[in-house]
Amino acid sequence: MQDVKSLTDAGDFGTFGRYEEVSLAQMAPAMKEAYEYTVQLRGIVPGPHKIWLANAALSRTIVPVGAYYQKQSTLTKAEIEIVTVLTNARWHSAYGTYEHEKIAEKLGRIPAETTERLIAGLPAEFSDERQEVVYELVSVLVQPRIVPVGLCKRAKKALGDAGIIEAAVLIGWFTMVCMTLNVYGVPANATGLDQ
């Protein structure tokens, strides 16, 4: 087994985990357009978006979904963080888990102790009915387990079909985020190029 030093010497690591970013000045036109599109919708080019630029056409289809959750979602910011933290933890995404633990704490969306419990896979409780239902539903889906009829009914009452669909799709979206970050071995404290 190679040690980290020999892997680094062999050039197996890039600027963002194993991914070798392209500077803005060196981007091909399609990649630069995808970069500018991401900035337009998100204001920044965060984490996995840096990697998705390598496939500019696909990046342009992915970015609007993430932007939807930032601006239009029927889920609250706290509910989005519950889904995000559980999904990142499920897929052992070091970067995603680290970033969203900081986001949840910084923005006060959910208590730090609760976020820690979500990451560790320990039981958590929420006094807010919607947050509790989101937690239960997403916990079942990321394990994976079958969603019981009673839980589905409680979720429909609390979130409506739109909220259920948003939670399910967000799990899928963040699974895609995690797979991208994991294949490139992006560590928890990665920063990448300053662009």
Protein backbone atom coordinates (compact mmCIF):
# COMPACT_ATOMS: atom_id res chain seq x y z
CA MET A 1 0.00 0.00 0.00
CA GLN A 2 1.37 3.41 -0.98
CA ASP A 3 1.65 6.13 1.60
CA VAL A 4 0.19 9.60 1.03
CA LYS A 5 3.63 11.13 0.40
CA SER A 6 4.41 8.75 -2.50
CA LEU A 7 0.96 9.30 -4.02
CA THR A 8 1.47 13.05 -3.86
CA ASP A 9 4.91 12.70 -5.43
CA ALA A 10 3.43 10.56 -8.20
CA GLY A 11 1.08 13.40 -9.18
CA ASP A 12 -2.09 11.56 -8.14
CA PHE A 13 -3.51 14.58 -6.36
CA GLY A 14 -4.86 17.75 -7.88
CA THR A 15 -5.94 21.11 -6.55
CA PHE A 16 -9.28 19.88 -5.16
CA GLY A 17 -8.73 16.38 -3.86
CA ARG A 18 -7.62 14.35 -6.88
CA TYR A 19 -9.29 16.76 -9.28
CA GLU A 20 -6.97 19.14 -11.11
CA GLU A 21 -8.89 22.38 -11.53
CA VAL A 22 -8.46 24.59 -14.57
CA SER A 23 -7.83 28.25 -13.87
CA LEU A 24 -10.42 30.68 -15.18
CA ALA A 25 -7.89 32.07 -17.66
CA GLN A 26 -7.24 28.58 -19.10
CA MET A 27 -10.84 27.36 -19.34
CA ALA A 28 -12.20 26.33 -22.72
CA PRO A 29 -15.15 28.50 -23.84
CA ALA A 30 -17.82 25.92 -22.89
CA MET A 31 -16.27 25.40 -19.47
CA LYS A 32 -16.04 29.16 -18.89
CA GLU A 33 -19.72 29.55 -19.87
CA ALA A 34 -20.66 26.81 -17.37
CA TYR A 35 -18.55 28.59 -14.74
CA GLU A 36 -20.30 31.91 -15.39
CA TYR A 37 -23.71 30.20 -15.42
CA THR A 38 -22.96 28.68 -12.00
CA VAL A 39 -21.90 32.07 -10.62
CA GLN A 40 -25.07 33.62 -12.06
CA LEU A 41 -27.33 31.07 -10.34
CA ARG A 42 -25.36 30.39 -7.16
CA GLY A 43 -23.18 33.47 -6.66
CA ILE A 44 -20.16 31.18 -6.27
CA VAL A 45 -18.78 27.93 -7.67
CA PRO A 46 -18.81 25.74 -4.56
CA GLY A 47 -17.37 22.28 -3.89
CA PRO A 48 -18.52 19.73 -6.47
CA HIS A 49 -19.47 22.45 -8.95
CA LYS A 50 -15.72 22.97 -9.48
CA ILE A 51 -15.49 19.37 -10.69
CA TRP A 52 -18.69 19.39 -12.74
CA LEU A 53 -17.20 22.14 -14.89
CA ALA A 54 -15.14 19.40 -16.57
CA ASN A 55 -18.41 18.36 -18.24
CA ALA A 56 -19.80 21.78 -19.09
CA ALA A 57 -23.04 20.56 -20.70
CA LEU A 58 -23.91 18.33 -17.75
CA SER A 59 -22.92 21.06 -15.29
CA ARG A 60 -25.49 23.38 -16.86
CA THR A 61 -28.22 20.80 -16.18
CA ILE A 62 -27.12 20.08 -12.59
CA VAL A 63 -26.69 23.64 -11.33
CA PRO A 64 -30.35 24.74 -11.61
CA VAL A 65 -31.51 21.91 -9.35
CA GLY A 66 -29.18 23.01 -6.56
CA ALA A 67 -30.17 26.64 -7.12
CA TYR A 68 -33.84 25.63 -6.82
CA TYR A 69 -33.24 24.45 -3.26
CA GLN A 70 -31.51 27.72 -2.43
CA LYS A 71 -34.31 29.96 -3.72
CA GLN A 72 -37.61 28.16 -4.33
CA SER A 73 -37.92 25.07 -2.18
CA THR A 74 -41.00 24.45 -0.05
CA LEU A 75 -38.63 22.90 2.49
CA THR A 76 -37.20 25.25 5.10
CA LYS A 77 -33.44 25.85 5.33
CA ALA A 78 -33.35 23.65 8.47
CA GLU A 79 -35.20 20.84 6.68
CA ILE A 80 -32.81 21.09 3.73
CA GLU A 81 -29.86 20.80 6.12
CA ILE A 82 -31.38 17.72 7.77
CA VAL A 83 -31.63 16.02 4.35
CA THR A 84 -28.17 17.21 3.34
CA VAL A 85 -26.38 16.16 6.53
CA LEU A 86 -28.01 12.71 6.58
CA THR A 87 -27.18 12.12 2.91
CA ASN A 88 -23.56 13.31 3.20
CA ALA A 89 -23.07 11.11 6.27
CA ARG A 90 -24.69 8.11 4.54
CA TRP A 91 -22.20 8.30 1.67
CA HIS A 92 -19.20 9.09 3.91
CA SER A 93 -18.48 12.30 2.04
CA ALA A 94 -15.74 13.95 4.09
CA TYR A 95 -15.97 17.30 2.30
CA GLY A 96 -19.78 17.42 2.14
CA THR A 97 -20.23 16.37 5.76
CA TYR A 98 -17.65 18.87 7.00
CA GLU A 99 -19.06 21.75 4.96
CA HIS A 100 -22.67 21.14 5.96
CA GLU A 101 -21.84 20.61 9.61
CA LYS A 102 -20.29 24.10 9.48
CA ILE A 103 -23.25 25.52 7.54
CA ALA A 104 -25.82 24.08 9.96
CA GLU A 105 -23.86 25.45 12.93
CA LYS A 106 -23.07 28.84 11.41
CA LEU A 107 -26.60 29.53 10.29
CA GLY A 108 -28.18 28.07 13.41
CA ARG A 109 -30.49 25.94 11.31
CA ILE A 110 -30.30 23.00 13.67
CA PRO A 111 -28.51 22.68 17.02
CA ALA A 112 -24.88 21.55 16.82
CA GLU A 113 -25.56 18.54 19.06
CA THR A 114 -28.38 17.44 16.76
CA THR A 115 -26.18 17.82 13.68
CA GLU A 116 -23.52 15.70 15.37
CA ARG A 117 -26.12 13.01 16.09
CA LEU A 118 -27.27 13.01 12.46
CA ILE A 119 -23.70 12.62 11.21
CA ALA A 120 -22.92 9.85 13.71
CA GLY A 121 -26.10 7.92 12.91
CA LEU A 122 -27.44 8.37 16.43
CA PRO A 123 -31.14 8.94 17.14
CA ALA A 124 -32.23 12.57 17.06
CA GLU A 125 -35.45 14.34 17.99
CA PHE A 126 -36.98 17.52 16.70
CA SER A 127 -39.65 19.57 18.45
CA ASP A 128 -40.82 20.92 15.08
CA GLU A 129 -43.26 18.43 13.50
CA ARG A 130 -42.08 19.06 9.92
CA GLN A 131 -38.42 18.67 10.86
CA GLU A 132 -39.20 15.44 12.71
CA VAL A 133 -41.04 14.03 9.69
CA VAL A 134 -38.21 15.06 7.34
CA TYR A 135 -35.71 13.40 9.68
CA GLU A 136 -37.73 10.17 9.88
CA LEU A 137 -38.47 9.99 6.15
CA VAL A 138 -34.91 10.72 5.05
CA SER A 139 -33.45 8.36 7.66
CA VAL A 140 -35.56 5.56 6.20
CA LEU A 141 -34.66 6.42 2.61
CA VAL A 142 -30.89 6.67 3.09
CA GLN A 143 -30.60 3.40 5.07
CA PRO A 144 -32.34 2.07 2.70
CA ARG A 145 -35.59 0.77 4.12
CA ILE A 146 -39.20 0.65 2.96
CA VAL A 147 -41.21 3.73 3.90
CA PRO A 148 -44.06 2.56 6.14
CA VAL A 149 -47.59 3.64 5.22
CA GLY A 150 -48.00 5.54 8.49
CA LEU A 151 -44.82 7.55 7.94
CA CYS A 152 -45.86 8.34 4.38
CA LYS A 153 -49.22 9.60 5.67
CA ARG A 154 -47.55 11.75 8.35
CA ALA A 155 -45.13 13.14 5.76
CA LYS A 156 -47.98 13.96 3.37
CA LYS A 157 -49.88 15.73 6.16
CA ALA A 158 -46.83 17.74 7.28
CA LEU A 159 -45.08 18.40 3.96
CA GLY A 160 -47.60 17.69 1.22
CA ASP A 161 -46.64 15.77 -1.88
CA ALA A 162 -44.45 18.67 -3.04
CA GLY A 163 -42.36 18.50 0.14
CA ILE A 164 -42.04 14.71 -0.01
CA ILE A 165 -40.86 14.93 -3.61
CA GLU A 166 -38.40 17.70 -2.75
CA ALA A 167 -36.90 15.66 0.10
CA ALA A 168 -36.55 12.57 -2.12
CA VAL A 169 -35.00 14.50 -5.01
CA LEU A 170 -32.63 16.34 -2.66
CA ILE A 171 -31.37 12.96 -1.40
CA GLY A 172 -30.66 12.04 -5.01
CA TRP A 173 -29.03 15.38 -5.75
CA PHE A 174 -26.77 15.17 -2.71
CA THR A 175 -25.98 11.53 -3.49
CA MET A 176 -24.67 12.82 -6.84
CA VAL A 177 -22.67 15.46 -4.96
CA CYS A 178 -21.20 12.81 -2.64
CA MET A 179 -20.29 10.44 -5.47
CA THR A 180 -18.49 13.26 -7.28
CA LEU A 181 -16.58 14.28 -4.16
CA ASN A 182 -15.81 10.68 -3.19
CA VAL A 183 -14.43 9.60 -6.57
CA TYR A 184 -12.02 12.54 -6.41
CA GLY A 185 -11.20 11.93 -2.74
CA VAL A 186 -11.96 15.52 -1.75
CA PRO A 187 -10.91 15.93 1.89
CA ALA A 188 -12.90 17.75 4.55
CA ASN A 189 -10.86 20.94 4.46
CA ALA A 190 -10.27 21.25 0.69
CA THR A 191 -10.32 24.76 -0.74
CA GLY A 192 -9.20 24.40 -4.35
CA LEU A 193 -8.16 27.27 -6.57
CA ASP A 194 -9.25 30.77 -5.63
CA GLN A 195 -11.24 31.88 -8.68
